[in-house]
Amino acid sequence: MTATETARIRPVDDFRTYKMPASMQLGPPTIRISSLQRALSFYEENMRLEVKGQHQDNEDGLDRVGLGFHDSKRPLLILKHRPNAKNTPHDFAGLYHYAILVQDRKA
């Protein structure tokens, strides 16, 4: 028996009708970076995001910086500064991008 035969494969329509519970909230994604200054320059200059907060995590001692739009108090993205961060191998599964939908290029 193959993995496909043993796994329950759900139809695409099951996902189209799913609604997240109103009480559930998603927080901003955290991106691990090796150069805090380079990342801040990119997000501030190219994406027009602003620093909303910065703190050092008690658990791992690493700096975290929250970035968001000027008219919002909540961060849209968290940068986790890990100076010795290495690039992930190409054959490693994971999430490697973060998309922000804007109305137009001027936005």
C-alpha atoms as a PDB file:
ATOM      1  CA  MET A   1       0.000   0.000   0.000  1.00  0.00           C
ATOM      2  CA  THR A   2       1.387   3.416  -0.953  1.00  0.00           C
ATOM      3  CA  ALA A   3       1.405   6.519   1.230  1.00  0.00           C
ATOM      4  CA  THR A   4      -1.278   8.021  -1.025  1.00  0.00           C
ATOM      5  CA  GLU A   5      -3.539   5.037  -0.490  1.00  0.00           C
ATOM      6  CA  THR A   6      -3.155   5.122   3.299  1.00  0.00           C
ATOM      7  CA  ALA A   7      -3.523   8.893   3.702  1.00  0.00           C
ATOM      8  CA  ARG A   8      -6.933  10.515   3.573  1.00  0.00           C
ATOM      9  CA  ILE A   9      -6.792  13.001   0.732  1.00  0.00           C
ATOM     10  CA  ARG A  10      -9.270  15.823   1.218  1.00  0.00           C
ATOM     11  CA  PRO A  11     -10.991  17.402  -1.781  1.00  0.00           C
ATOM     12  CA  VAL A  12     -10.029  20.984  -2.623  1.00  0.00           C
ATOM     13  CA  ASP A  13     -13.603  22.106  -1.910  1.00  0.00           C
ATOM     14  CA  ASP A  14     -13.103  21.189   1.772  1.00  0.00           C
ATOM     15  CA  PHE A  15     -10.560  23.992   2.025  1.00  0.00           C
ATOM     16  CA  ARG A  16     -12.593  26.567   0.095  1.00  0.00           C
ATOM     17  CA  THR A  17     -15.383  26.444   2.664  1.00  0.00           C
ATOM     18  CA  TYR A  18     -13.142  26.540   5.755  1.00  0.00           C
ATOM     19  CA  LYS A  19     -13.544  29.581   7.976  1.00  0.00           C
ATOM     20  CA  MET A  20     -11.117  30.365  10.754  1.00  0.00           C
ATOM     21  CA  PRO A  21     -12.859  30.654  14.155  1.00  0.00           C
ATOM     22  CA  ALA A  22     -13.470  34.293  15.136  1.00  0.00           C
ATOM     23  CA  SER A  23     -11.608  33.766  18.412  1.00  0.00           C
ATOM     24  CA  MET A  24      -8.452  32.618  16.600  1.00  0.00           C
ATOM     25  CA  GLN A  25      -5.822  35.228  15.782  1.00  0.00           C
ATOM     26  CA  LEU A  26      -2.648  34.864  13.776  1.00  0.00           C
ATOM     27  CA  GLY A  27       0.405  36.781  14.895  1.00  0.00           C
ATOM     28  CA  PRO A  28       3.106  38.231  12.693  1.00  0.00           C
ATOM     29  CA  PRO A  29       5.596  35.801  11.154  1.00  0.00           C
ATOM     30  CA  THR A  30       9.140  35.771  12.533  1.00  0.00           C
ATOM     31  CA  ILE A  31      12.006  35.843  10.057  1.00  0.00           C
ATOM     32  CA  ARG A  32      15.493  34.765  11.153  1.00  0.00           C
ATOM     33  CA  ILE A  33      18.141  37.153   9.849  1.00  0.00           C
ATOM     34  CA  SER A  34      21.933  37.331  10.116  1.00  0.00           C
ATOM     35  CA  SER A  35      22.319  41.101   9.619  1.00  0.00           C
ATOM     36  CA  LEU A  36      19.896  43.270  11.569  1.00  0.00           C
ATOM     37  CA  GLN A  37      21.069  46.514   9.979  1.00  0.00           C
ATOM     38  CA  ARG A  38      20.805  45.166   6.424  1.00  0.00           C
ATOM     39  CA  ALA A  39      17.311  43.774   7.060  1.00  0.00           C
ATOM     40  CA  LEU A  40      16.115  46.995   8.729  1.00  0.00           C
ATOM     41  CA  SER A  41      17.416  49.042   5.800  1.00  0.00           C
ATOM     42  CA  PHE A  42      15.547  46.822   3.334  1.00  0.00           C
ATOM     43  CA  TYR A  43      12.194  46.874   5.133  1.00  0.00           C
ATOM     44  CA  GLU A  44      12.362  50.565   6.061  1.00  0.00           C
ATOM     45  CA  GLU A  45      13.543  51.847   2.667  1.00  0.00           C
ATOM     46  CA  ASN A  46      11.798  49.451   0.261  1.00  0.00           C
ATOM     47  CA  MET A  47       8.662  48.436   2.151  1.00  0.00           C
ATOM     48  CA  ARG A  48       8.237  51.668   4.156  1.00  0.00           C
ATOM     49  CA  LEU A  49       7.817  49.696   7.387  1.00  0.00           C
ATOM     50  CA  GLU A  50       8.682  51.284  10.729  1.00  0.00           C
ATOM     51  CA  VAL A  51      10.087  49.813  13.930  1.00  0.00           C
ATOM     52  CA  LYS A  52       7.171  49.184  16.309  1.00  0.00           C
ATOM     53  CA  GLY A  53       9.204  47.636  19.103  1.00  0.00           C
ATOM     54  CA  GLN A  54      12.468  45.946  19.938  1.00  0.00           C
ATOM     55  CA  HIS A  55      13.447  43.622  22.760  1.00  0.00           C
ATOM     56  CA  GLN A  56      15.936  40.965  23.726  1.00  0.00           C
ATOM     57  CA  ASP A  57      14.331  37.578  24.273  1.00  0.00           C
ATOM     58  CA  ASN A  58      14.964  36.157  27.748  1.00  0.00           C
ATOM     59  CA  GLU A  59      14.934  32.582  26.450  1.00  0.00           C
ATOM     60  CA  ASP A  60      17.652  32.784  23.792  1.00  0.00           C
ATOM     61  CA  GLY A  61      19.114  36.274  24.306  1.00  0.00           C
ATOM     62  CA  LEU A  62      18.509  37.238  20.669  1.00  0.00           C
ATOM     63  CA  ASP A  63      17.204  40.630  19.581  1.00  0.00           C
ATOM     64  CA  ARG A  64      13.754  40.800  18.046  1.00  0.00           C
ATOM     65  CA  VAL A  65      12.445  43.798  16.141  1.00  0.00           C
ATOM     66  CA  GLY A  66       8.786  44.299  15.235  1.00  0.00           C
ATOM     67  CA  LEU A  67       8.053  46.183  12.005  1.00  0.00           C
ATOM     68  CA  GLY A  68       4.752  47.577  10.783  1.00  0.00           C
ATOM     69  CA  PHE A  69       3.079  50.316   8.770  1.00  0.00           C
ATOM     70  CA  HIS A  70       3.106  53.881  10.100  1.00  0.00           C
ATOM     71  CA  ASP A  71      -0.636  53.945  10.851  1.00  0.00           C
ATOM     72  CA  SER A  72      -0.651  50.731  12.904  1.00  0.00           C
ATOM     73  CA  LYS A  73       0.602  49.942  16.389  1.00  0.00           C
ATOM     74  CA  ARG A  74       0.766  46.201  15.728  1.00  0.00           C
ATOM     75  CA  PRO A  75       3.800  44.653  14.031  1.00  0.00           C
ATOM     76  CA  LEU A  76       3.317  43.057  10.644  1.00  0.00           C
ATOM     77  CA  LEU A  77       6.627  41.203  10.766  1.00  0.00           C
ATOM     78  CA  ILE A  78       9.177  40.210  13.433  1.00  0.00           C
ATOM     79  CA  LEU A  79      12.901  40.095  12.642  1.00  0.00           C
ATOM     80  CA  LYS A  80      14.883  37.703  14.843  1.00  0.00           C
ATOM     81  CA  HIS A  81      18.558  38.671  14.770  1.00  0.00           C
ATOM     82  CA  ARG A  82      20.792  35.615  14.822  1.00  0.00           C
ATOM     83  CA  PRO A  83      24.299  36.785  13.761  1.00  0.00           C
ATOM     84  CA  ASN A  84      25.518  33.241  13.022  1.00  0.00           C
ATOM     85  CA  ALA A  85      22.428  32.257  10.981  1.00  0.00           C
ATOM     86  CA  LYS A  86      23.230  30.090   7.994  1.00  0.00           C
ATOM     87  CA  ASN A  87      21.315  29.778   4.737  1.00  0.00           C
ATOM     88  CA  THR A  88      18.950  26.826   4.666  1.00  0.00           C
ATOM     89  CA  PRO A  89      19.788  24.016   2.204  1.00  0.00           C
ATOM     90  CA  HIS A  90      17.705  24.063  -0.991  1.00  0.00           C
ATOM     91  CA  ASP A  91      16.284  20.601  -0.287  1.00  0.00           C
ATOM     92  CA  PHE A  92      15.022  21.574   3.183  1.00  0.00           C
ATOM     93  CA  ALA A  93      11.257  21.918   3.646  1.00  0.00           C
ATOM     94  CA  GLY A  94       9.969  25.136   5.179  1.00  0.00           C
ATOM     95  CA  LEU A  95       8.552  28.594   4.606  1.00  0.00           C
ATOM     96  CA  TYR A  96      10.990  30.942   2.882  1.00  0.00           C
ATOM     97  CA  HIS A  97       8.982  33.945   1.821  1.00  0.00           C
ATOM     98  CA  TYR A  98       6.469  36.382   3.168  1.00  0.00           C
ATOM     99  CA  ALA A  99       4.039  38.208   0.885  1.00  0.00           C
ATOM    100  CA  ILE A 100       2.261  41.498   1.470  1.00  0.00           C
ATOM    101  CA  LEU A 101      -0.618  42.301  -0.881  1.00  0.00           C
ATOM    102  CA  VAL A 102      -0.881  46.003  -1.733  1.00  0.00           C
ATOM    103  CA  GLN A 103      -3.480  47.831  -3.821  1.00  0.00           C
ATOM    104  CA  ASP A 104      -1.004  49.038  -6.421  1.00  0.00           C
ATOM    105  CA  ARG A 105       2.695  49.687  -6.916  1.00  0.00           C
ATOM    106  CA  LYS A 106       2.403  53.209  -5.499  1.00  0.00           C
ATOM    107  CA  ALA A 107       1.069  51.797  -2.221  1.00  0.00           C
END
